Amino acid sequence: MKAVGLLRYGGPEVLQVIERPTPHAVHGEVRLRVRAAAVNPVDTLIRTGASSVRLNGDVPVVPGLDIAGTVDEIGPGTTSDLSIGDRVMAMVNPTRAAGGGYAQWVVLPESWVVPAPRDADHAEAATLPMNGLTALHALDQLNLAAGSTVAVTGAAGAVGGYAVQLAKAAGHHVVADAAAHDVELVTGLGADAVVARGPGVAERFRAIAPAGVDAVVDAALTGPPLLGAIRHGGSLAVVRSMPDQQALQEAARRVGVSLVSAYVHAYDGRRDKLDLLRRLADDGALSLRVADRFPPEEAPRAHRLLEAGGVRGRLVIEF
């Protein structure tokens, strides 16, 4: 089968189309004929060697956490609500031996796979699992009462955008940051107030919520400067570890703010969580934004565009 992988760490140029054996589903598994795999920042970390996914001799590393396609094989004896031909989506953990989702066929445990949103094409469905689950896990960890005030950084991006929409769906008051050209986009996602992103954002959040927000979902990885926006006893959800993680923990403790870690793979195999996202997308509460589509041979270009910044929506590799 065709896949996109790398045999050495480096820039986008190390990505290449490779041939790998076509996998088959065994008991408890289903095989997806992948039609779309979203390109995410973590894929660039895998490519550069800055993640826990490690090269092992001459075995290619295959990135990719988000896939969508159709079920084309169900393992012998597997009990499933899924049927051959069903349109589905899934999140993949690329640390597994089989690697990530940049491949024509991917085999996963049956519990990792759910139907795709009803009106979404494959590329649109592939934008939802990892980013949606990251935002959902952050909000689940915060465990806020309905009507809380939640600030979201990076609200124009994928995780931030889903955090805005999921927070609104949960009944929260949402304030968000955005560049001037993204204000309309973020307002359209449901933010009740939008402030300018960049230095001083905590003070601008405080101007909207003088007593301090109840929590922040930090999709932009802003870190310690956000603590000034949060009330004593509030919380900060961190969606990825940062170089100054220990300093952030110490600073948060000093000002009475709790840190929660939204490690997305805590939701590996959580069909209930991924299916909740599917239902919200069906109801129109979540937007599935595709910025551009690429054949496997153009995966390096997709990575370059993502790293250049300014992409609104997900870039998707189509197989």
Protein backbone atom coordinates (compact mmCIF):
# COMPACT_ATOMS: atom_id res chain seq x y z
CA MET A 1 0.00 0.00 0.00
CA LYS A 2 0.98 3.62 -0.39
CA ALA A 3 1.94 5.65 2.70
CA VAL A 4 3.81 8.87 3.51
CA GLY A 5 6.76 8.44 5.84
CA LEU A 6 10.31 9.38 6.68
CA LEU A 7 13.59 7.55 7.17
CA ARG A 8 15.41 10.47 8.79
CA TYR A 9 14.36 13.50 10.77
CA GLY A 10 14.42 16.90 9.15
CA GLY A 11 12.48 19.43 7.14
CA PRO A 12 9.45 18.75 4.96
CA GLU A 13 11.72 17.33 2.26
CA VAL A 14 12.29 14.14 4.30
CA LEU A 15 8.66 13.10 3.73
CA GLN A 16 8.30 10.63 0.88
CA VAL A 17 5.77 8.24 -0.58
CA ILE A 18 6.69 4.72 0.50
CA GLU A 19 5.30 1.23 0.01
CA ARG A 20 4.28 -0.79 3.05
CA PRO A 21 2.53 -4.15 3.43
CA THR A 22 -1.26 -3.85 3.44
CA PRO A 23 -2.48 -4.71 6.97
CA HIS A 24 -5.44 -6.93 7.81
CA ALA A 25 -7.87 -6.78 10.71
CA VAL A 26 -7.83 -9.52 13.33
CA HIS A 27 -10.30 -10.16 16.15
CA GLY A 28 -11.49 -6.91 17.72
CA GLU A 29 -10.23 -4.76 14.87
CA VAL A 30 -11.52 -3.00 11.77
CA ARG A 31 -9.61 -1.84 8.73
CA LEU A 32 -10.19 1.59 7.22
CA ARG A 33 -9.58 2.43 3.61
CA VAL A 34 -8.22 5.87 4.40
CA ARG A 35 -9.38 8.61 2.07
CA ALA A 36 -8.15 11.62 4.05
CA ALA A 37 -5.54 12.29 6.75
CA ALA A 38 -5.33 15.73 8.34
CA VAL A 39 -1.97 17.46 8.80
CA ASN A 40 -1.40 18.72 12.33
CA PRO A 41 1.41 20.51 14.19
CA VAL A 42 2.26 17.30 16.04
CA ASP A 43 3.01 15.71 12.65
CA THR A 44 5.74 18.29 12.14
CA LEU A 45 7.17 17.41 15.57
CA ILE A 46 7.22 13.74 14.57
CA ARG A 47 8.99 14.68 11.33
CA THR A 48 11.70 16.70 13.11
CA GLY A 49 12.29 14.15 15.88
CA ALA A 50 10.83 16.40 18.57
CA SER A 51 8.16 13.89 19.65
CA SER A 52 8.13 10.51 21.38
CA VAL A 53 7.81 8.76 18.00
CA ARG A 54 11.30 7.46 17.28
CA LEU A 55 13.02 6.05 14.22
CA ASN A 56 13.92 2.37 14.55
CA GLY A 57 16.60 1.30 12.11
CA ASP A 58 15.34 1.27 8.54
CA VAL A 59 11.65 1.14 9.50
CA PRO A 60 9.94 4.30 8.19
CA VAL A 61 8.10 6.55 10.61
CA VAL A 62 4.56 7.33 9.42
CA PRO A 63 2.98 10.49 10.94
CA GLY A 64 -0.73 11.25 11.14
CA LEU A 65 -3.29 11.31 13.95
CA ASP A 66 -6.56 12.09 12.11
CA ILE A 67 -8.10 9.86 9.46
CA ALA A 68 -11.40 9.39 7.68
CA GLY A 69 -12.53 6.88 5.08
CA THR A 70 -14.59 3.71 4.87
CA VAL A 71 -14.63 0.39 6.69
CA ASP A 72 -13.46 -2.30 4.28
CA GLU A 73 -12.59 -5.21 6.61
CA ILE A 74 -13.85 -6.37 9.99
CA GLY A 75 -11.74 -8.83 11.95
CA PRO A 76 -13.01 -12.41 12.38
CA GLY A 77 -15.36 -12.73 15.34
CA THR A 78 -15.46 -8.97 15.91
CA THR A 79 -18.75 -7.63 17.25
CA SER A 80 -19.40 -4.17 15.90
CA ASP A 81 -22.15 -1.75 14.97
CA LEU A 82 -20.01 -0.84 11.97
CA SER A 83 -20.50 -2.45 8.56
CA ILE A 84 -18.39 -2.76 5.44
CA GLY A 85 -18.70 0.45 3.46
CA ASP A 86 -19.57 2.68 6.41
CA ARG A 87 -18.07 6.17 6.28
CA VAL A 88 -16.02 6.59 9.46
CA MET A 89 -13.37 8.65 11.24
CA ALA A 90 -10.79 7.87 13.91
CA MET A 91 -7.84 9.21 15.87
CA VAL A 92 -4.61 7.24 15.49
CA ASN A 93 -1.79 7.01 18.04
CA PRO A 94 1.38 7.20 15.93
CA THR A 95 3.53 5.71 18.70
CA ARG A 96 2.04 2.28 17.93
CA ALA A 97 4.15 -0.20 15.96
CA ALA A 98 2.10 0.33 12.80
CA GLY A 99 2.64 4.08 12.95
CA GLY A 100 0.24 6.87 12.11
CA GLY A 101 -2.49 7.60 9.64
CA TYR A 102 -0.71 8.84 6.49
CA ALA A 103 -1.50 5.56 4.71
CA GLN A 104 -4.04 4.01 2.36
CA TRP A 105 -5.12 1.40 4.92
CA VAL A 106 -5.09 1.61 8.71
CA VAL A 107 -6.16 -1.12 11.14
CA LEU A 108 -7.47 -0.02 14.54
CA PRO A 109 -9.33 -1.53 17.48
CA GLU A 110 -13.04 -1.42 16.71
CA SER A 111 -13.66 0.88 19.70
CA TRP A 112 -11.47 3.61 18.16
CA VAL A 113 -13.67 4.09 15.09
CA VAL A 114 -17.00 5.95 14.83
CA PRO A 115 -19.28 7.04 11.99
CA ALA A 116 -18.27 10.23 10.22
CA PRO A 117 -20.47 13.33 10.56
CA ARG A 118 -23.51 12.92 8.34
CA ASP A 119 -22.95 15.76 5.86
CA ALA A 120 -19.14 15.82 5.89
CA ASP A 121 -16.92 14.56 3.09
CA HIS A 122 -13.83 12.53 4.01
CA ALA A 123 -11.51 15.55 4.20
CA GLU A 124 -13.91 17.45 6.46
CA ALA A 125 -14.37 14.43 8.74
CA ALA A 126 -10.59 14.04 9.06
CA THR A 127 -10.30 17.51 10.62
CA LEU A 128 -12.30 16.55 13.71
CA PRO A 129 -10.90 13.65 15.78
CA MET A 130 -7.57 14.76 17.26
CA ASN A 131 -8.24 18.48 17.51
CA GLY A 132 -11.81 17.99 18.67
CA LEU A 133 -10.78 15.44 21.29
CA THR A 134 -7.99 17.73 22.54
CA ALA A 135 -10.45 20.58 23.07
CA LEU A 136 -13.04 18.26 24.61
CA HIS A 137 -10.49 16.72 26.97
CA ALA A 138 -9.40 20.18 28.09
CA LEU A 139 -12.95 21.19 28.93
CA ASP A 140 -13.71 17.83 30.56
CA GLN A 141 -10.63 18.25 32.77
CA LEU A 142 -11.70 21.77 33.74
CA ASN A 143 -15.09 20.38 34.85
CA LEU A 144 -16.74 23.80 34.93
CA ALA A 145 -20.28 24.61 35.93
CA ALA A 146 -22.51 25.82 33.12
CA GLY A 147 -22.35 29.59 32.83
CA SER A 148 -18.64 29.82 33.66
CA THR A 149 -16.45 32.32 31.86
CA VAL A 150 -13.84 30.57 29.70
CA ALA A 151 -11.05 32.29 27.78
CA VAL A 152 -9.57 30.59 24.71
CA THR A 153 -6.25 31.46 23.09
CA GLY A 154 -5.50 30.51 19.50
CA ALA A 155 -9.22 30.59 18.82
CA ALA A 156 -8.82 30.86 15.05
CA GLY A 157 -6.89 27.57 14.95
CA ALA A 158 -8.24 24.06 14.99
CA VAL A 159 -8.00 23.22 18.72
CA GLY A 160 -8.92 26.75 19.77
CA GLY A 161 -11.85 26.90 17.38
CA TYR A 162 -13.26 23.64 18.68
CA ALA A 163 -12.70 24.83 22.26
CA VAL A 164 -14.79 27.93 21.55
CA GLN A 165 -17.61 25.88 20.02
CA LEU A 166 -17.54 23.14 22.66
CA ALA A 167 -17.52 25.69 25.48
CA LYS A 168 -20.55 27.42 23.96
CA ALA A 169 -22.32 24.08 23.53
CA ALA A 170 -21.69 23.43 27.25
CA GLY A 171 -23.35 26.73 28.18
CA HIS A 172 -20.28 28.81 29.01
CA HIS A 173 -19.53 32.49 28.34
CA VAL A 174 -16.55 32.52 25.99
CA VAL A 175 -13.93 35.21 25.47
CA ALA A 176 -11.23 34.58 22.90
CA ASP A 177 -8.21 36.17 21.29
CA ALA A 178 -7.66 36.71 17.57
CA ALA A 179 -5.69 38.73 15.07
CA ALA A 180 -7.67 41.56 13.48
CA HIS A 181 -8.30 39.58 10.29
CA ASP A 182 -9.65 36.62 12.31
CA VAL A 183 -12.14 38.48 14.51
CA GLU A 184 -15.08 37.75 12.21
CA LEU A 185 -14.12 34.07 12.04
CA VAL A 186 -13.84 33.69 15.82
CA THR A 187 -17.06 35.61 16.43
CA GLY A 188 -18.74 33.30 13.95
CA LEU A 189 -17.54 30.29 15.94
CA GLY A 190 -19.53 31.64 18.88
CA ALA A 191 -17.16 33.72 21.02
CA ASP A 192 -19.09 36.25 23.08
CA ALA A 193 -16.15 38.68 23.07
CA VAL A 194 -12.90 38.80 21.11
CA VAL A 195 -9.73 40.63 22.15
CA ALA A 196 -6.51 41.24 20.25
CA ARG A 197 -3.98 38.43 20.47
CA GLY A 198 -0.35 39.02 21.48
CA PRO A 199 1.44 40.62 24.44
CA GLY A 200 -0.94 41.94 27.07
CA VAL A 201 -3.73 39.49 26.22
CA ALA A 202 -4.25 38.65 29.92
CA GLU A 203 -5.00 42.30 30.68
CA ARG A 204 -7.44 42.42 27.78
CA PHE A 205 -9.22 39.32 29.09
CA ARG A 206 -9.39 41.00 32.53
CA ALA A 207 -10.98 44.05 30.96
CA ILE A 208 -13.81 41.76 29.77
CA ALA A 209 -13.94 39.79 33.04
CA PRO A 210 -12.69 42.11 35.84
CA ALA A 211 -12.93 39.39 38.51
CA GLY A 212 -10.89 37.06 36.33
CA VAL A 213 -12.05 34.28 34.05
CA ASP A 214 -12.86 30.91 35.57
CA ALA A 215 -10.56 29.06 33.19
CA VAL A 216 -8.39 29.38 30.11
CA VAL A 217 -7.94 26.84 27.33
CA ASP A 218 -4.47 27.74 26.07
CA ALA A 219 -4.50 26.45 22.50
CA ALA A 220 -1.88 29.05 21.48
CA LEU A 221 0.63 27.81 24.12
CA THR A 222 0.92 31.30 25.57
CA GLY A 223 1.79 29.93 29.01
CA PRO A 224 2.65 31.98 32.15
CA PRO A 225 1.44 35.39 30.89
CA LEU A 226 -2.14 34.06 30.99
CA LEU A 227 -2.14 33.51 34.74
CA GLY A 228 -3.03 37.16 35.31
CA ALA A 229 -6.34 36.64 33.49
CA ILE A 230 -7.55 33.86 35.81
CA ARG A 231 -9.32 34.31 39.13
CA HIS A 232 -7.89 32.78 42.29
CA GLY A 233 -9.04 29.16 42.34
CA GLY A 234 -9.47 29.10 38.56
CA SER A 235 -7.79 26.76 36.10
CA LEU A 236 -5.53 26.75 33.06
CA ALA A 237 -5.78 23.91 30.55
CA VAL A 238 -2.49 23.18 28.79
CA VAL A 239 -2.91 21.33 25.50
CA ARG A 240 0.76 20.46 25.05
CA SER A 241 3.86 20.47 27.25
CA MET A 242 6.00 23.58 26.91
CA PRO A 243 9.72 24.15 27.53
CA ASP A 244 8.88 26.24 30.61
CA GLN A 245 6.36 23.72 31.99
CA GLN A 246 7.95 23.55 35.44
CA ALA A 247 8.12 27.33 35.71
CA LEU A 248 4.47 27.51 34.69
CA GLN A 249 3.51 25.00 37.38
CA GLU A 250 5.34 26.96 40.05
CA ALA A 251 3.90 30.30 38.94
CA ALA A 252 0.38 28.87 38.85
CA ARG A 253 0.73 27.48 42.36
CA ARG A 254 1.84 30.88 43.67
CA VAL A 255 -1.27 32.63 42.35
CA GLY A 256 -3.75 29.88 43.24
CA VAL A 257 -4.44 28.61 39.74
CA SER A 258 -4.78 24.90 38.95
CA LEU A 259 -3.14 23.42 35.86
CA VAL A 260 -4.78 20.63 33.91
CA SER A 261 -3.11 18.74 31.09
CA ALA A 262 -5.21 17.93 28.03
CA TYR A 263 -3.13 14.97 26.81
CA VAL A 264 -5.27 13.84 23.92
CA HIS A 265 -4.22 10.17 23.96
CA ALA A 266 -6.00 9.81 27.28
CA TYR A 267 -9.01 9.52 24.97
CA ASP A 268 -7.58 6.75 22.78
CA GLY A 269 -10.38 4.29 22.18
CA ARG A 270 -13.00 6.48 23.84
CA ARG A 271 -15.76 5.89 21.32
CA ASP A 272 -18.20 7.80 23.52
CA LYS A 273 -16.11 10.97 23.34
CA LEU A 274 -15.47 10.80 19.60
CA ASP A 275 -19.11 9.98 18.92
CA LEU A 276 -20.16 13.02 20.98
CA LEU A 277 -18.11 15.16 18.61
CA ARG A 278 -19.79 13.47 15.66
CA ARG A 279 -23.24 14.23 17.05
CA LEU A 280 -22.32 17.87 17.71
CA ALA A 281 -21.06 18.19 14.14
CA ASP A 282 -24.30 16.65 12.88
CA ASP A 283 -26.21 19.27 14.88
CA GLY A 284 -24.14 22.12 13.43
CA ALA A 285 -22.45 22.95 16.73
CA LEU A 286 -18.96 22.17 15.35
CA SER A 287 -17.44 23.53 12.14
CA LEU A 288 -15.30 21.23 9.99
CA ARG A 289 -12.82 23.54 8.23
CA VAL A 290 -10.63 22.32 5.38
CA ALA A 291 -8.04 24.85 4.19
CA ASP A 292 -6.60 22.79 1.31
CA ARG A 293 -6.18 19.24 -0.02
CA PHE A 294 -3.05 17.49 -1.29
CA PRO A 295 -2.12 14.17 -2.91
CA PRO A 296 0.40 12.08 -0.94
CA GLU A 297 3.23 13.24 -3.20
CA GLU A 298 2.65 16.82 -2.02
CA ALA A 299 2.81 16.08 1.72
CA PRO A 300 6.05 18.13 1.98
CA ARG A 301 4.23 21.17 0.60
CA ALA A 302 1.41 20.70 3.13
CA HIS A 303 3.97 20.65 5.97
CA ARG A 304 5.67 23.78 4.63
CA LEU A 305 2.38 25.66 4.49
CA LEU A 306 1.44 24.59 8.01
CA GLU A 307 4.81 25.66 9.42
CA ALA A 308 4.62 28.99 7.61
CA GLY A 309 1.56 29.81 9.75
CA GLY A 310 -1.65 31.60 8.97
CA VAL A 311 -3.57 28.49 7.87
CA ARG A 312 -7.21 28.65 8.89
CA GLY A 313 -8.68 25.18 8.84
CA ARG A 314 -6.84 21.93 8.33
CA LEU A 315 -4.62 20.85 5.48
CA VAL A 316 -5.53 17.35 4.37
CA ILE A 317 -3.71 14.59 2.48
CA GLU A 318 -6.12 12.61 0.30
CA PHE A 319 -5.43 9.00 -0.65
